[in-house]
């Protein structure tokens, strides 16, 4: 539901329901067609996950420093 404040109260409108499973399948299909970027070619999933975790940690540390 979408809620909007109007002059005499709150207007509730139904929102379109999204099939998350179907959406995830479509995204996975597109990503499978694209393949990995050249810099990731030949890397194992474990290596990629380590890089992702390190990038997240660096971003969080930078956010803490800026706060």
PDB file of N, CA and C in Angstrom:
ATOM      1  N   UNK A   1       0.849  -1.181   0.000  1.00  0.00           N
ATOM      2  CA  UNK A   1       0.000   0.000   0.000  1.00  0.00           C
ATOM      3  C   UNK A   1       0.891   1.240   0.000  1.00  0.00           C
ATOM      4  N   UNK A   2       0.366   2.263  -0.648  1.00  0.00           N
ATOM      5  CA  UNK A   2       1.033   3.556  -0.651  1.00  0.00           C
ATOM      6  C   UNK A   2       0.147   4.519   0.113  1.00  0.00           C
ATOM      7  N   UNK A   3       0.716   5.227   1.068  1.00  0.00           N
ATOM      8  CA  UNK A   3      -0.054   6.172   1.875  1.00  0.00           C
ATOM      9  C   UNK A   3       0.328   7.593   1.492  1.00  0.00           C
ATOM     10  N   UNK A   4      -0.692   8.436   1.337  1.00  0.00           N
ATOM     11  CA  UNK A   4      -0.474   9.852   1.045  1.00  0.00           C
ATOM     12  C   UNK A   4      -1.348  10.670   1.979  1.00  0.00           C
ATOM     13  N   UNK A   5      -0.797  11.765   2.462  1.00  0.00           N
ATOM     14  CA  UNK A   5      -1.575  12.672   3.299  1.00  0.00           C
ATOM     15  C   UNK A   5      -2.370  13.570   2.364  1.00  0.00           C
ATOM     16  N   UNK A   6      -3.676  13.625   2.597  1.00  0.00           N
ATOM     17  CA  UNK A   6      -4.572  14.493   1.820  1.00  0.00           C
ATOM     18  C   UNK A   6      -5.287  15.427   2.784  1.00  0.00           C
ATOM     19  N   UNK A   7      -6.042  16.366   2.241  1.00  0.00           N
ATOM     20  CA  UNK A   7      -6.682  17.398   3.066  1.00  0.00           C
ATOM     21  C   UNK A   7      -7.529  16.828   4.192  1.00  0.00           C
ATOM     22  N   UNK A   8      -8.265  15.761   3.934  1.00  0.00           N
ATOM     23  CA  UNK A   8      -9.171  15.258   4.963  1.00  0.00           C
ATOM     24  C   UNK A   8      -8.746  13.919   5.562  1.00  0.00           C
ATOM     25  N   UNK A   9      -7.471  13.567   5.449  1.00  0.00           N
ATOM     26  CA  UNK A   9      -7.012  12.315   6.058  1.00  0.00           C
ATOM     27  C   UNK A   9      -5.835  11.700   5.319  1.00  0.00           C
ATOM     28  N   UNK A  10      -5.838  10.395   5.268  1.00  0.00           N
ATOM     29  CA  UNK A  10      -4.777   9.642   4.615  1.00  0.00           C
ATOM     30  C   UNK A  10      -5.407   8.811   3.502  1.00  0.00           C
ATOM     31  N   UNK A  11      -4.829   8.884   2.325  1.00  0.00           N
ATOM     32  CA  UNK A  11      -5.309   8.121   1.177  1.00  0.00           C
ATOM     33  C   UNK A  11      -4.399   6.898   1.005  1.00  0.00           C
ATOM     34  N   UNK A  12      -4.999   5.716   1.037  1.00  0.00           N
ATOM     35  CA  UNK A  12      -4.254   4.474   0.842  1.00  0.00           C
ATOM     36  C   UNK A  12      -4.537   3.951  -0.558  1.00  0.00           C
ATOM     37  N   UNK A  13      -3.467   3.657  -1.306  1.00  0.00           N
ATOM     38  CA  UNK A  13      -3.603   3.125  -2.657  1.00  0.00           C
ATOM     39  C   UNK A  13      -2.824   1.816  -2.757  1.00  0.00           C
ATOM     40  N   UNK A  14      -3.384   0.834  -3.448  1.00  0.00           N
ATOM     41  CA  UNK A  14      -2.643  -0.419  -3.616  1.00  0.00           C
ATOM     42  C   UNK A  14      -1.427  -0.200  -4.508  1.00  0.00           C
ATOM     43  N   UNK A  15      -0.360  -0.883  -4.191  1.00  0.00           N
ATOM     44  CA  UNK A  15       0.856  -0.835  -4.994  1.00  0.00           C
ATOM     45  C   UNK A  15       0.950  -2.114  -5.808  1.00  0.00           C
ATOM     46  N   UNK A  16       1.676  -2.044  -6.905  1.00  0.00           N
ATOM     47  CA  UNK A  16       1.889  -3.222  -7.735  1.00  0.00           C
ATOM     48  C   UNK A  16       2.740  -4.229  -6.959  1.00  0.00           C
ATOM     49  N   UNK A  17       2.322  -5.455  -6.966  1.00  0.00           N
ATOM     50  CA  UNK A  17       3.064  -6.509  -6.279  1.00  0.00           C
ATOM     51  C   UNK A  17       4.173  -6.992  -7.202  1.00  0.00           C
ATOM     52  N   UNK A  18       5.379  -7.088  -6.677  1.00  0.00           N
ATOM     53  CA  UNK A  18       6.527  -7.523  -7.454  1.00  0.00           C
ATOM     54  C   UNK A  18       6.858  -8.964  -7.086  1.00  0.00           C
ATOM     55  N   UNK A  19       6.982  -9.790  -8.101  1.00  0.00           N
ATOM     56  CA  UNK A  19       7.388 -11.173  -7.880  1.00  0.00           C
ATOM     57  C   UNK A  19       8.905 -11.177  -7.743  1.00  0.00           C
ATOM     58  N   UNK A  20       9.378 -11.207  -6.511  1.00  0.00           N
ATOM     59  CA  UNK A  20      10.812 -11.106  -6.248  1.00  0.00           C
ATOM     60  C   UNK A  20      11.589 -12.282  -6.816  1.00  0.00           C
ATOM     61  N   UNK A  21      11.011 -13.449  -6.792  1.00  0.00           N
ATOM     62  CA  UNK A  21      11.701 -14.629  -7.315  1.00  0.00           C
ATOM     63  C   UNK A  21      11.897 -14.487  -8.823  1.00  0.00           C
ATOM     64  N   UNK A  22      10.850 -14.083  -9.521  1.00  0.00           N
ATOM     65  CA  UNK A  22      10.959 -13.891 -10.973  1.00  0.00           C
ATOM     66  C   UNK A  22      11.969 -12.784 -11.292  1.00  0.00           C
ATOM     67  N   UNK A  23      11.958 -11.727 -10.515  1.00  0.00           N
ATOM     68  CA  UNK A  23      12.916 -10.643 -10.715  1.00  0.00           C
ATOM     69  C   UNK A  23      14.347 -11.111 -10.512  1.00  0.00           C
ATOM     70  N   UNK A  24      14.564 -11.889  -9.468  1.00  0.00           N
ATOM     71  CA  UNK A  24      15.904 -12.413  -9.196  1.00  0.00           C
ATOM     72  C   UNK A  24      16.367 -13.324 -10.329  1.00  0.00           C
ATOM     73  N   UNK A  25      15.448 -14.106 -10.873  1.00  0.00           N
ATOM     74  CA  UNK A  25      15.809 -14.990 -11.995  1.00  0.00           C
ATOM     75  C   UNK A  25      16.209 -14.172 -13.223  1.00  0.00           C
ATOM     76  N   UNK A  26      15.472 -13.097 -13.482  1.00  0.00           N
ATOM     77  CA  UNK A  26      15.807 -12.261 -14.644  1.00  0.00           C
ATOM     78  C   UNK A  26      17.169 -11.605 -14.470  1.00  0.00           C
ATOM     79  N   UNK A  27      17.449 -11.112 -13.279  1.00  0.00           N
ATOM     80  CA  UNK A  27      18.748 -10.494 -13.013  1.00  0.00           C
ATOM     81  C   UNK A  27      19.858 -11.531 -13.170  1.00  0.00           C
ATOM     82  N   UNK A  28      19.658 -12.730 -12.626  1.00  0.00           N
ATOM     83  CA  UNK A  28      20.662 -13.789 -12.736  1.00  0.00           C
ATOM     84  C   UNK A  28      20.909 -14.154 -14.197  1.00  0.00           C
ATOM     85  N   UNK A  29      19.859 -14.190 -15.010  1.00  0.00           N
ATOM     86  CA  UNK A  29      20.020 -14.517 -16.429  1.00  0.00           C
ATOM     87  C   UNK A  29      20.848 -13.454 -17.148  1.00  0.00           C
ATOM     88  N   UNK A  30      20.588 -12.191 -16.849  1.00  0.00           N
ATOM     89  CA  UNK A  30      21.355 -11.108 -17.473  1.00  0.00           C
ATOM     90  C   UNK A  30      22.818 -11.190 -17.047  1.00  0.00           C
ATOM     91  N   UNK A  31      23.052 -11.384 -15.759  1.00  0.00           N
ATOM     92  CA  UNK A  31      24.425 -11.465 -15.268  1.00  0.00           C
ATOM     93  C   UNK A  31      25.166 -12.659 -15.862  1.00  0.00           C
ATOM     94  N   UNK A  32      24.474 -13.776 -16.048  1.00  0.00           N
ATOM     95  CA  UNK A  32      25.100 -14.962 -16.632  1.00  0.00           C
ATOM     96  C   UNK A  32      25.528 -14.693 -18.073  1.00  0.00           C
ATOM     97  N   UNK A  33      24.718 -13.936 -18.805  1.00  0.00           N
ATOM     98  CA  UNK A  33      25.078 -13.594 -20.190  1.00  0.00           C
ATOM     99  C   UNK A  33      26.275 -12.650 -20.241  1.00  0.00           C
ATOM    100  N   UNK A  34      26.372 -11.757 -19.262  1.00  0.00           N
ATOM    101  CA  UNK A  34      27.456 -10.783 -19.259  1.00  0.00           C
ATOM    102  C   UNK A  34      28.801 -11.421 -18.918  1.00  0.00           C
ATOM    103  N   UNK A  35      28.785 -12.363 -18.000  1.00  0.00           N
ATOM    104  CA  UNK A  35      30.028 -12.986 -17.560  1.00  0.00           C
ATOM    105  C   UNK A  35      30.810 -12.057 -16.652  1.00  0.00           C
ATOM    106  N   UNK A  36      31.919 -12.553 -16.131  1.00  0.00           N
ATOM    107  CA  UNK A  36      32.704 -11.741 -15.199  1.00  0.00           C
ATOM    108  C   UNK A  36      33.470 -10.632 -15.925  1.00  0.00           C
ATOM    109  N   UNK A  37      33.741  -9.540 -15.223  1.00  0.00           N
ATOM    110  CA  UNK A  37      34.559  -8.493 -15.834  1.00  0.00           C
ATOM    111  C   UNK A  37      35.983  -9.021 -16.036  1.00  0.00           C
ATOM    112  N   UNK A  38      36.726  -8.452 -16.960  1.00  0.00           N
ATOM    113  CA  UNK A  38      38.068  -8.963 -17.265  1.00  0.00           C
ATOM    114  C   UNK A  38      38.981  -9.067 -16.045  1.00  0.00           C
ATOM    115  N   UNK A  39      38.860  -8.121 -15.128  1.00  0.00           N
ATOM    116  CA  UNK A  39      39.753  -8.150 -13.953  1.00  0.00           C
ATOM    117  C   UNK A  39      39.435  -9.312 -13.012  1.00  0.00           C
ATOM    118  N   UNK A  40      38.243  -9.898 -13.122  1.00  0.00           N
ATOM    119  CA  UNK A  40      37.861 -11.026 -12.262  1.00  0.00           C
ATOM    120  C   UNK A  40      38.019 -12.377 -12.958  1.00  0.00           C
ATOM    121  N   UNK A  41      38.334 -12.376 -14.235  1.00  0.00           N
ATOM    122  CA  UNK A  41      38.471 -13.636 -14.966  1.00  0.00           C
ATOM    123  C   UNK A  41      39.576 -14.478 -14.333  1.00  0.00           C
ATOM    124  N   UNK A  42      39.287 -15.728 -14.094  1.00  0.00           N
ATOM    125  CA  UNK A  42      40.266 -16.637 -13.523  1.00  0.00           C
ATOM    126  C   UNK A  42      40.328 -16.627 -12.010  1.00  0.00           C
ATOM    127  N   UNK A  43      39.595 -15.732 -11.357  1.00  0.00           N
ATOM    128  CA  UNK A  43      39.576 -15.690  -9.889  1.00  0.00           C
ATOM    129  C   UNK A  43      38.565 -16.708  -9.365  1.00  0.00           C
ATOM    130  N   UNK A  44      38.891 -17.291  -8.228  1.00  0.00           N
ATOM    131  CA  UNK A  44      37.946 -18.217  -7.601  1.00  0.00           C
ATOM    132  C   UNK A  44      36.869 -17.419  -6.867  1.00  0.00           C
ATOM    133  N   UNK A  45      35.756 -18.082  -6.554  1.00  0.00           N
ATOM    134  CA  UNK A  45      34.703 -17.418  -5.782  1.00  0.00           C
ATOM    135  C   UNK A  45      35.232 -16.965  -4.437  1.00  0.00           C
ATOM    136  N   UNK A  46      36.090 -17.778  -3.814  1.00  0.00           N
ATOM    137  CA  UNK A  46      36.660 -17.399  -2.513  1.00  0.00           C
ATOM    138  C   UNK A  46      37.472 -16.117  -2.634  1.00  0.00           C
ATOM    139  N   UNK A  47      38.283 -16.004  -3.698  1.00  0.00           N
ATOM    140  CA  UNK A  47      39.070 -14.786  -3.900  1.00  0.00           C
ATOM    141  C   UNK A  47      38.168 -13.578  -4.094  1.00  0.00           C
ATOM    142  N   UNK A  48      37.113 -13.753  -4.900  1.00  0.00           N
ATOM    143  CA  UNK A  48      36.185 -12.652  -5.131  1.00  0.00           C
ATOM    144  C   UNK A  48      35.489 -12.236  -3.845  1.00  0.00           C
ATOM    145  N   UNK A  49      35.069 -13.209  -3.034  1.00  0.00           N
ATOM    146  CA  UNK A  49      34.405 -12.886  -1.766  1.00  0.00           C
ATOM    147  C   UNK A  49      35.355 -12.154  -0.824  1.00  0.00           C
ATOM    148  N   UNK A  50      36.622 -12.570  -0.773  1.00  0.00           N
ATOM    149  CA  UNK A  50      37.605 -11.871   0.067  1.00  0.00           C
ATOM    150  C   UNK A  50      37.752 -10.423  -0.377  1.00  0.00           C
ATOM    151  N   UNK A  51      37.797 -10.195  -1.700  1.00  0.00           N
ATOM    152  CA  UNK A  51      37.896  -8.831  -2.214  1.00  0.00           C
ATOM    153  C   UNK A  51      36.665  -8.009  -1.849  1.00  0.00           C
ATOM    154  N   UNK A  52      35.498  -8.603  -1.959  1.00  0.00           N
ATOM    155  CA  UNK A  52      34.256  -7.901  -1.636  1.00  0.00           C
ATOM    156  C   UNK A  52      34.215  -7.531  -0.153  1.00  0.00           C
ATOM    157  N   UNK A  53      34.561  -8.488   0.697  1.00  0.00           N
ATOM    158  CA  UNK A  53      34.564  -8.232   2.145  1.00  0.00           C
ATOM    159  C   UNK A  53      35.559  -7.125   2.478  1.00  0.00           C
ATOM    160  N   UNK A  54      36.728  -7.149   1.847  1.00  0.00           N
ATOM    161  CA  UNK A  54      37.729  -6.111   2.086  1.00  0.00           C
ATOM    162  C   UNK A  54      37.221  -4.745   1.620  1.00  0.00           C
ATOM    163  N   UNK A  55      36.558  -4.697   0.465  1.00  0.00           N
ATOM    164  CA  UNK A  55      36.008  -3.431  -0.028  1.00  0.00           C
ATOM    165  C   UNK A  55      34.942  -2.884   0.912  1.00  0.00           C
ATOM    166  N   UNK A  56      34.090  -3.751   1.433  1.00  0.00           N
ATOM    167  CA  UNK A  56      33.049  -3.325   2.374  1.00  0.00           C
ATOM    168  C   UNK A  56      33.679  -2.792   3.651  1.00  0.00           C
ATOM    169  N   UNK A  57      34.679  -3.496   4.170  1.00  0.00           N
ATOM    170  CA  UNK A  57      35.358  -3.058   5.392  1.00  0.00           C
ATOM    171  C   UNK A  57      36.010  -1.694   5.182  1.00  0.00           C
ATOM    172  N   UNK A  58      36.638  -1.495   4.030  1.00  0.00           N
ATOM    173  CA  UNK A  58      37.278  -0.207   3.737  1.00  0.00           C
ATOM    174  C   UNK A  58      36.240   0.910   3.648  1.00  0.00           C
ATOM    175  N   UNK A  59      35.107   0.640   3.014  1.00  0.00           N
ATOM    176  CA  UNK A  59      34.057   1.651   2.900  1.00  0.00           C
ATOM    177  C   UNK A  59      33.491   2.009   4.274  1.00  0.00           C
ATOM    178  N   UNK A  60      33.307   1.005   5.118  1.00  0.00           N
ATOM    179  CA  UNK A  60      32.791   1.269   6.470  1.00  0.00           C
ATOM    180  C   UNK A  60      33.792   2.086   7.287  1.00  0.00           C
ATOM    181  N   UNK A  61      35.064   1.753   7.168  1.00  0.00           N
ATOM    182  CA  UNK A  61      36.093   2.490   7.900  1.00  0.00           C
ATOM    183  C   UNK A  61      36.134   3.945   7.431  1.00  0.00           C
ATOM    184  N   UNK A  62      36.040   4.155   6.139  1.00  0.00           N
ATOM    185  CA  UNK A  62      36.030   5.515   5.607  1.00  0.00           C
ATOM    186  C   UNK A  62      34.816   6.291   6.110  1.00  0.00           C
ATOM    187  N   UNK A  63      33.657   5.625   6.165  1.00  0.00           N
ATOM    188  CA  UNK A  63      32.443   6.278   6.659  1.00  0.00           C
ATOM    189  C   UNK A  63      32.605   6.647   8.130  1.00  0.00           C
ATOM    190  N   UNK A  64      33.242   5.762   8.916  1.00  0.00           N
ATOM    191  CA  UNK A  64      33.454   6.069  10.347  1.00  0.00           C
ATOM    192  C   UNK A  64      34.375   7.266  10.521  1.00  0.00           C
ATOM    193  N   UNK A  65      35.427   7.333   9.687  1.00  0.00           N
ATOM    194  CA  UNK A  65      36.355   8.453   9.768  1.00  0.00           C
ATOM    195  C   UNK A  65      35.681   9.777   9.420  1.00  0.00           C
ATOM    196  N   UNK A  66      34.756   9.709   8.448  1.00  0.00           N
ATOM    197  CA  UNK A  66      34.079  10.927   7.992  1.00  0.00           C
ATOM    198  C   UNK A  66      32.963  11.374   8.927  1.00  0.00           C
ATOM    199  N   UNK A  67      32.526  10.480   9.829  1.00  0.00           N
ATOM    200  CA  UNK A  67      31.389  10.798  10.698  1.00  0.00           C
ATOM    201  C   UNK A  67      31.777  11.742  11.816  1.00  0.00           C
TER     202      UNK A  67
END
